[in-house]
N, C-alpha and C. Protein backbone atom coordinates (compact mmCIF):
# COMPACT_ATOMS: atom_id res chain seq x y z
N MET A 1 0.84 -1.19 0.00
CA MET A 1 0.00 0.00 0.00
C MET A 1 0.88 1.24 0.00
N THR A 2 0.33 2.28 -0.57
CA THR A 2 1.03 3.55 -0.64
C THR A 2 0.36 4.55 0.30
N THR A 3 1.03 5.64 0.53
CA THR A 3 0.46 6.71 1.35
C THR A 3 -0.82 7.23 0.71
N ALA A 4 -0.82 7.38 -0.60
CA ALA A 4 -2.01 7.87 -1.29
C ALA A 4 -3.19 6.92 -1.10
N ARG A 5 -2.95 5.63 -1.24
CA ARG A 5 -4.04 4.65 -1.05
C ARG A 5 -4.52 4.65 0.40
N ASP A 6 -3.58 4.72 1.33
CA ASP A 6 -3.96 4.78 2.75
C ASP A 6 -4.78 6.03 3.03
N LEU A 7 -4.39 7.15 2.44
CA LEU A 7 -5.13 8.39 2.62
C LEU A 7 -6.54 8.26 2.06
N ALA A 8 -6.68 7.66 0.90
CA ALA A 8 -8.00 7.46 0.30
C ALA A 8 -8.88 6.60 1.20
N ILE A 9 -8.32 5.54 1.75
CA ILE A 9 -9.08 4.65 2.64
C ILE A 9 -9.50 5.40 3.90
N VAL A 10 -8.58 6.13 4.50
CA VAL A 10 -8.89 6.89 5.71
C VAL A 10 -9.98 7.92 5.42
N ALA A 11 -9.89 8.60 4.29
CA ALA A 11 -10.89 9.61 3.93
C ALA A 11 -12.26 8.97 3.72
N LEU A 12 -12.30 7.81 3.11
CA LEU A 12 -13.58 7.12 2.88
C LEU A 12 -14.18 6.61 4.18
N ALA A 13 -13.31 6.32 5.15
CA ALA A 13 -13.79 5.79 6.43
C ALA A 13 -14.29 6.89 7.36
N GLU A 14 -14.05 8.16 7.00
CA GLU A 14 -14.49 9.26 7.86
C GLU A 14 -15.99 9.24 8.03
N THR A 15 -16.44 9.71 9.15
CA THR A 15 -17.86 9.72 9.46
C THR A 15 -18.57 10.81 8.66
N PRO A 16 -19.87 10.65 8.41
CA PRO A 16 -20.62 11.63 7.64
C PRO A 16 -20.60 13.04 8.23
N ASP A 17 -20.38 13.17 9.54
CA ASP A 17 -20.34 14.51 10.13
C ASP A 17 -18.99 15.20 9.89
N HIS A 18 -18.05 14.50 9.28
CA HIS A 18 -16.76 15.08 8.88
C HIS A 18 -16.52 14.75 7.40
N PRO A 19 -17.38 15.26 6.49
CA PRO A 19 -17.21 14.91 5.07
C PRO A 19 -15.92 15.49 4.50
N VAL A 20 -15.38 14.78 3.54
CA VAL A 20 -14.15 15.21 2.88
C VAL A 20 -14.54 15.75 1.50
N GLU A 21 -14.13 16.98 1.20
CA GLU A 21 -14.40 17.56 -0.10
C GLU A 21 -13.54 16.86 -1.15
N GLN A 22 -14.14 16.50 -2.28
CA GLN A 22 -13.43 15.76 -3.32
C GLN A 22 -12.24 16.53 -3.89
N GLY A 23 -12.38 17.84 -4.08
CA GLY A 23 -11.26 18.63 -4.60
C GLY A 23 -10.09 18.65 -3.64
N GLU A 24 -10.39 18.82 -2.36
CA GLU A 24 -9.32 18.83 -1.35
C GLU A 24 -8.66 17.46 -1.27
N LEU A 25 -9.47 16.40 -1.33
CA LEU A 25 -8.92 15.05 -1.29
C LEU A 25 -8.03 14.80 -2.51
N SER A 26 -8.46 15.25 -3.67
CA SER A 26 -7.66 15.05 -4.88
C SER A 26 -6.30 15.71 -4.77
N LEU A 27 -6.26 16.94 -4.25
CA LEU A 27 -4.97 17.61 -4.06
C LEU A 27 -4.11 16.89 -3.03
N ALA A 28 -4.72 16.44 -1.94
CA ALA A 28 -3.97 15.71 -0.92
C ALA A 28 -3.44 14.40 -1.47
N LEU A 29 -4.22 13.72 -2.30
CA LEU A 29 -3.76 12.47 -2.92
C LEU A 29 -2.57 12.73 -3.85
N ALA A 30 -2.63 13.82 -4.61
CA ALA A 30 -1.49 14.17 -5.47
C ALA A 30 -0.26 14.45 -4.61
N GLY A 31 -0.43 15.12 -3.48
CA GLY A 31 0.68 15.36 -2.56
C GLY A 31 1.23 14.06 -2.00
N ALA A 32 0.33 13.13 -1.67
CA ALA A 32 0.77 11.83 -1.16
C ALA A 32 1.56 11.08 -2.23
N GLU A 33 1.13 11.21 -3.48
CA GLU A 33 1.87 10.56 -4.56
C GLU A 33 3.29 11.13 -4.68
N VAL A 34 3.45 12.43 -4.45
CA VAL A 34 4.80 13.01 -4.48
C VAL A 34 5.68 12.31 -3.44
N PHE A 35 5.17 12.17 -2.22
CA PHE A 35 5.96 11.49 -1.18
C PHE A 35 6.25 10.04 -1.56
N ASP A 36 5.25 9.35 -2.10
CA ASP A 36 5.46 7.96 -2.51
C ASP A 36 6.47 7.85 -3.65
N LEU A 37 6.43 8.79 -4.59
CA LEU A 37 7.38 8.77 -5.71
C LEU A 37 8.79 9.14 -5.27
N ILE A 38 8.90 10.00 -4.28
CA ILE A 38 10.23 10.29 -3.71
C ILE A 38 10.79 9.02 -3.08
N GLU A 39 9.95 8.33 -2.30
CA GLU A 39 10.37 7.09 -1.65
C GLU A 39 10.76 6.02 -2.67
N ALA A 40 10.04 6.00 -3.80
CA ALA A 40 10.33 5.02 -4.86
C ALA A 40 11.50 5.47 -5.74
N LYS A 41 12.08 6.63 -5.41
CA LYS A 41 13.19 7.20 -6.17
C LYS A 41 12.81 7.49 -7.63
N ALA A 42 11.53 7.83 -7.83
CA ALA A 42 11.04 8.16 -9.17
C ALA A 42 11.10 9.66 -9.44
N LEU A 43 11.30 10.47 -8.38
CA LEU A 43 11.43 11.90 -8.57
C LEU A 43 12.25 12.50 -7.45
N ILE A 44 12.72 13.71 -7.72
CA ILE A 44 13.46 14.50 -6.75
C ILE A 44 12.83 15.88 -6.74
N VAL A 45 12.64 16.45 -5.57
CA VAL A 45 12.16 17.81 -5.48
C VAL A 45 13.37 18.71 -5.30
N ASP A 46 13.54 19.64 -6.23
CA ASP A 46 14.67 20.57 -6.19
C ASP A 46 14.09 21.98 -6.14
N GLY A 47 14.12 22.57 -4.95
CA GLY A 47 13.48 23.87 -4.77
C GLY A 47 11.99 23.70 -4.93
N ASP A 48 11.41 24.37 -5.92
CA ASP A 48 9.98 24.22 -6.15
C ASP A 48 9.69 23.40 -7.40
N ARG A 49 10.70 22.69 -7.91
CA ARG A 49 10.56 21.90 -9.14
C ARG A 49 10.60 20.41 -8.87
N ILE A 50 9.85 19.68 -9.66
CA ILE A 50 9.85 18.22 -9.60
C ILE A 50 10.71 17.72 -10.75
N LEU A 51 11.80 17.05 -10.40
CA LEU A 51 12.70 16.48 -11.40
C LEU A 51 12.48 14.98 -11.45
N PRO A 52 12.15 14.46 -12.63
CA PRO A 52 11.95 13.02 -12.74
C PRO A 52 13.27 12.29 -12.55
N SER A 53 13.18 11.11 -12.03
CA SER A 53 14.36 10.28 -11.82
C SER A 53 14.12 8.96 -12.55
N ALA A 54 14.46 7.87 -11.94
CA ALA A 54 14.26 6.55 -12.56
C ALA A 54 12.78 6.34 -12.84
N GLN A 55 12.50 5.62 -13.90
CA GLN A 55 11.11 5.35 -14.26
C GLN A 55 10.77 3.88 -14.02
N ALA A 56 11.30 3.31 -12.95
CA ALA A 56 11.03 1.92 -12.63
C ALA A 56 9.61 1.78 -12.11
N PRO A 57 8.91 0.73 -12.48
CA PRO A 57 7.55 0.53 -11.99
C PRO A 57 7.52 0.35 -10.47
N THR A 58 6.49 0.88 -9.86
CA THR A 58 6.35 0.79 -8.40
C THR A 58 5.51 -0.41 -7.99
N GLY A 59 4.76 -0.98 -8.94
CA GLY A 59 3.86 -2.07 -8.60
C GLY A 59 2.46 -1.59 -8.27
N ASP A 60 2.26 -0.29 -8.23
CA ASP A 60 0.95 0.29 -7.97
C ASP A 60 0.51 1.03 -9.24
N ARG A 61 -0.62 0.65 -9.81
CA ARG A 61 -1.05 1.20 -11.09
C ARG A 61 -1.17 2.72 -11.07
N LEU A 62 -1.82 3.28 -10.05
CA LEU A 62 -2.01 4.73 -10.00
C LEU A 62 -0.70 5.47 -9.74
N LEU A 63 0.17 4.89 -8.95
CA LEU A 63 1.46 5.52 -8.70
C LEU A 63 2.34 5.47 -9.95
N ASP A 64 2.28 4.36 -10.68
CA ASP A 64 3.01 4.28 -11.95
C ASP A 64 2.47 5.29 -12.95
N GLU A 65 1.15 5.49 -12.94
CA GLU A 65 0.53 6.49 -13.79
C GLU A 65 1.03 7.89 -13.41
N ALA A 66 1.17 8.14 -12.12
CA ALA A 66 1.67 9.44 -11.65
C ALA A 66 3.11 9.65 -12.11
N ALA A 67 3.93 8.61 -12.02
CA ALA A 67 5.33 8.72 -12.45
C ALA A 67 5.40 8.99 -13.95
N ALA A 68 4.54 8.34 -14.70
CA ALA A 68 4.53 8.55 -16.15
C ALA A 68 4.06 9.96 -16.52
N ALA A 69 3.31 10.60 -15.63
CA ALA A 69 2.78 11.94 -15.89
C ALA A 69 3.79 13.06 -15.59
N LEU A 70 4.94 12.71 -15.04
CA LEU A 70 5.94 13.73 -14.73
C LEU A 70 6.48 14.36 -16.01
N VAL A 71 6.65 15.68 -15.99
CA VAL A 71 7.24 16.39 -17.12
C VAL A 71 8.73 16.03 -17.13
N ARG A 72 9.21 15.58 -18.27
CA ARG A 72 10.57 15.07 -18.35
C ARG A 72 11.51 15.99 -19.14
N GLN A 73 11.11 17.25 -19.32
CA GLN A 73 11.97 18.21 -20.02
C GLN A 73 12.08 19.47 -19.17
N GLU A 74 13.27 20.09 -19.24
CA GLU A 74 13.47 21.35 -18.54
C GLU A 74 12.54 22.40 -19.11
N PRO A 75 12.07 23.31 -18.33
CA PRO A 75 12.45 23.66 -16.98
C PRO A 75 11.76 22.82 -15.90
N TYR A 76 11.13 21.75 -16.28
CA TYR A 76 10.39 20.88 -15.38
C TYR A 76 9.21 21.64 -14.79
N GLU A 77 8.41 20.94 -14.09
CA GLU A 77 7.16 21.52 -13.57
C GLU A 77 7.33 21.88 -12.10
N SER A 78 6.66 22.95 -11.70
CA SER A 78 6.69 23.29 -10.28
C SER A 78 5.83 22.29 -9.52
N VAL A 79 6.13 22.13 -8.25
CA VAL A 79 5.34 21.23 -7.41
C VAL A 79 3.87 21.66 -7.43
N GLU A 80 3.63 22.96 -7.29
CA GLU A 80 2.26 23.45 -7.27
C GLU A 80 1.52 23.13 -8.57
N ASP A 81 2.17 23.37 -9.70
CA ASP A 81 1.53 23.08 -10.99
C ASP A 81 1.23 21.59 -11.14
N TRP A 82 2.19 20.76 -10.73
CA TRP A 82 1.99 19.32 -10.84
C TRP A 82 0.84 18.86 -9.94
N LEU A 83 0.78 19.38 -8.71
CA LEU A 83 -0.30 19.00 -7.79
C LEU A 83 -1.66 19.33 -8.39
N TRP A 84 -1.80 20.52 -8.96
CA TRP A 84 -3.08 20.91 -9.56
C TRP A 84 -3.40 20.06 -10.78
N ARG A 85 -2.40 19.82 -11.62
CA ARG A 85 -2.64 19.04 -12.84
C ARG A 85 -2.95 17.58 -12.50
N ARG A 86 -2.14 16.99 -11.69
CA ARG A 86 -2.32 15.57 -11.34
C ARG A 86 -3.56 15.39 -10.47
N GLY A 87 -3.83 16.36 -9.61
CA GLY A 87 -4.95 16.23 -8.68
C GLY A 87 -6.31 16.31 -9.32
N ARG A 88 -6.40 16.85 -10.52
CA ARG A 88 -7.69 17.02 -11.17
C ARG A 88 -8.44 15.68 -11.26
N GLY A 89 -9.49 15.53 -10.44
CA GLY A 89 -10.31 14.32 -10.46
C GLY A 89 -9.66 13.08 -9.88
N LEU A 90 -8.54 13.24 -9.20
CA LEU A 90 -7.78 12.08 -8.72
C LEU A 90 -8.53 11.27 -7.67
N SER A 91 -9.35 11.92 -6.85
CA SER A 91 -10.06 11.17 -5.81
C SER A 91 -10.97 10.11 -6.42
N SER A 92 -11.63 10.43 -7.52
CA SER A 92 -12.50 9.42 -8.14
C SER A 92 -11.68 8.27 -8.71
N GLY A 93 -10.47 8.56 -9.19
CA GLY A 93 -9.59 7.49 -9.66
C GLY A 93 -9.22 6.51 -8.56
N TYR A 94 -8.93 7.05 -7.37
CA TYR A 94 -8.60 6.18 -6.24
C TYR A 94 -9.82 5.41 -5.76
N VAL A 95 -10.97 6.07 -5.72
CA VAL A 95 -12.20 5.38 -5.30
C VAL A 95 -12.49 4.24 -6.27
N ASP A 96 -12.39 4.50 -7.56
CA ASP A 96 -12.64 3.46 -8.57
C ASP A 96 -11.65 2.31 -8.43
N GLU A 97 -10.38 2.64 -8.22
CA GLU A 97 -9.35 1.60 -8.10
C GLU A 97 -9.59 0.74 -6.86
N LEU A 98 -9.89 1.38 -5.73
CA LEU A 98 -10.16 0.62 -4.51
C LEU A 98 -11.39 -0.27 -4.67
N GLU A 99 -12.40 0.24 -5.37
CA GLU A 99 -13.60 -0.56 -5.60
C GLU A 99 -13.28 -1.74 -6.53
N ARG A 100 -12.51 -1.50 -7.57
CA ARG A 100 -12.11 -2.55 -8.51
C ARG A 100 -11.35 -3.66 -7.79
N GLU A 101 -10.57 -3.30 -6.80
CA GLU A 101 -9.79 -4.29 -6.05
C GLU A 101 -10.58 -4.93 -4.92
N GLY A 102 -11.84 -4.54 -4.77
CA GLY A 102 -12.68 -5.13 -3.73
C GLY A 102 -12.42 -4.57 -2.34
N LEU A 103 -11.78 -3.40 -2.26
CA LEU A 103 -11.45 -2.79 -0.97
C LEU A 103 -12.52 -1.81 -0.49
N THR A 104 -13.49 -1.52 -1.36
CA THR A 104 -14.60 -0.65 -0.98
C THR A 104 -15.89 -1.25 -1.50
N THR A 105 -16.97 -0.74 -0.99
CA THR A 105 -18.29 -1.16 -1.45
C THR A 105 -19.21 0.05 -1.45
N ARG A 106 -20.23 -0.02 -2.25
CA ARG A 106 -21.27 1.01 -2.27
C ARG A 106 -22.54 0.36 -1.74
N PRO A 107 -22.94 0.73 -0.53
CA PRO A 107 -24.16 0.14 0.01
C PRO A 107 -25.35 0.47 -0.86
N ARG A 108 -26.22 -0.49 -1.02
CA ARG A 108 -27.43 -0.29 -1.83
C ARG A 108 -28.47 0.46 -1.02
N GLY A 109 -29.18 1.35 -1.70
CA GLY A 109 -30.29 2.07 -1.06
C GLY A 109 -31.43 1.10 -0.77
N LEU A 110 -32.16 1.33 0.31
CA LEU A 110 -33.23 0.42 0.67
C LEU A 110 -34.40 0.50 -0.30
N ARG A 111 -34.75 1.68 -0.75
CA ARG A 111 -35.89 1.84 -1.64
C ARG A 111 -35.53 1.53 -3.09
N ASN A 112 -34.38 1.97 -3.51
CA ASN A 112 -33.97 1.78 -4.90
C ASN A 112 -32.63 1.06 -4.93
N PRO A 113 -32.61 -0.24 -5.23
CA PRO A 113 -31.37 -1.00 -5.19
C PRO A 113 -30.34 -0.56 -6.23
N LEU A 114 -30.77 0.20 -7.23
CA LEU A 114 -29.83 0.67 -8.24
C LEU A 114 -29.12 1.93 -7.82
N ARG A 115 -29.63 2.57 -6.80
CA ARG A 115 -29.04 3.82 -6.34
C ARG A 115 -28.12 3.54 -5.15
N GLY A 116 -26.85 3.53 -5.40
CA GLY A 116 -25.89 3.23 -4.34
C GLY A 116 -25.63 4.44 -3.46
N GLY A 117 -25.16 4.17 -2.28
CA GLY A 117 -24.82 5.24 -1.35
C GLY A 117 -23.37 5.60 -1.45
N ARG A 118 -22.88 6.19 -0.40
CA ARG A 118 -21.49 6.62 -0.29
C ARG A 118 -20.57 5.40 -0.28
N THR A 119 -19.45 5.50 -0.98
CA THR A 119 -18.47 4.41 -1.00
C THR A 119 -17.84 4.28 0.38
N GLU A 120 -17.72 3.05 0.85
CA GLU A 120 -17.13 2.79 2.16
C GLU A 120 -16.09 1.69 2.04
N PRO A 121 -14.99 1.81 2.79
CA PRO A 121 -14.00 0.73 2.78
C PRO A 121 -14.55 -0.51 3.48
N VAL A 122 -14.22 -1.67 2.94
CA VAL A 122 -14.61 -2.93 3.57
C VAL A 122 -13.58 -3.27 4.64
N ASP A 123 -13.96 -4.17 5.52
CA ASP A 123 -13.01 -4.63 6.53
C ASP A 123 -11.95 -5.48 5.82
N SER A 124 -10.73 -5.01 5.83
CA SER A 124 -9.64 -5.70 5.14
C SER A 124 -8.32 -5.39 5.84
N ALA A 125 -7.31 -6.14 5.47
CA ALA A 125 -5.97 -5.88 6.01
C ALA A 125 -5.49 -4.49 5.57
N ASP A 126 -5.84 -4.09 4.35
CA ASP A 126 -5.44 -2.77 3.86
C ASP A 126 -6.09 -1.66 4.68
N ARG A 127 -7.38 -1.84 5.00
CA ARG A 127 -8.07 -0.82 5.80
C ARG A 127 -7.46 -0.75 7.20
N ARG A 128 -7.21 -1.91 7.79
CA ARG A 128 -6.62 -1.91 9.14
C ARG A 128 -5.25 -1.25 9.15
N ARG A 129 -4.46 -1.51 8.11
CA ARG A 129 -3.12 -0.89 8.03
C ARG A 129 -3.25 0.63 7.91
N ALA A 130 -4.15 1.10 7.05
CA ALA A 130 -4.35 2.54 6.88
C ALA A 130 -4.82 3.17 8.18
N GLU A 131 -5.75 2.51 8.87
CA GLU A 131 -6.26 3.05 10.12
C GLU A 131 -5.20 3.03 11.22
N GLU A 132 -4.32 2.02 11.20
CA GLU A 132 -3.22 1.98 12.17
C GLU A 132 -2.26 3.15 11.95
N ARG A 133 -1.94 3.43 10.68
CA ARG A 133 -1.07 4.58 10.37
C ARG A 133 -1.73 5.87 10.84
N TRP A 134 -3.04 5.98 10.60
CA TRP A 134 -3.78 7.17 11.00
C TRP A 134 -3.79 7.31 12.51
N ALA A 135 -4.11 6.23 13.22
CA ALA A 135 -4.18 6.26 14.68
C ALA A 135 -2.81 6.55 15.30
N ALA A 136 -1.75 6.08 14.65
CA ALA A 136 -0.40 6.31 15.16
C ALA A 136 0.08 7.72 14.88
N GLY A 137 -0.69 8.48 14.11
CA GLY A 137 -0.28 9.85 13.78
C GLY A 137 0.92 9.90 12.86
N GLU A 138 1.02 8.92 11.96
CA GLU A 138 2.13 8.88 10.99
C GLU A 138 2.24 10.26 10.35
N PRO A 139 3.39 10.92 10.45
CA PRO A 139 3.50 12.34 10.11
C PRO A 139 3.04 12.73 8.70
N VAL A 140 3.44 11.98 7.67
CA VAL A 140 3.06 12.37 6.31
C VAL A 140 1.55 12.19 6.12
N LEU A 141 1.02 11.07 6.56
CA LEU A 141 -0.40 10.82 6.42
C LEU A 141 -1.21 11.85 7.21
N ALA A 142 -0.80 12.15 8.41
CA ALA A 142 -1.50 13.12 9.24
C ALA A 142 -1.46 14.51 8.63
N ALA A 143 -0.32 14.91 8.08
CA ALA A 143 -0.20 16.23 7.47
C ALA A 143 -1.09 16.35 6.24
N LEU A 144 -1.15 15.32 5.44
CA LEU A 144 -1.98 15.35 4.24
C LEU A 144 -3.46 15.32 4.57
N ALA A 145 -3.81 14.58 5.60
CA ALA A 145 -5.22 14.48 5.99
C ALA A 145 -5.67 15.80 6.60
């Protein structure tokens, strides 16, 4: 699991009285991807610029997609520009990916079974790991959340 995936799970697990705005979540997920790509040695942050590094696959489809989206020509992209560009609609990409992997579910409405409710994480090892990081106050996850 990546920080971005853990952040998506934690955000989906939030209670309805603390809703997460999709735009804010998308930007936070893009920020989490920056940290994950630094850890994977796929990029380097130099001042306010993102410099691509090795393009080795990370094993995570969305993170590999993020690495492939890095601008690979000078003057390179600023962190802010990349966050806005990459973050556009990113929360729905993570929700779709988690659902595709069986890590979330959409509860069916009682009156109309075709009308699903809010996506929720299922009880899984991935959810428990994300919640453990959150409960432990893991600095990067806590700052992004």
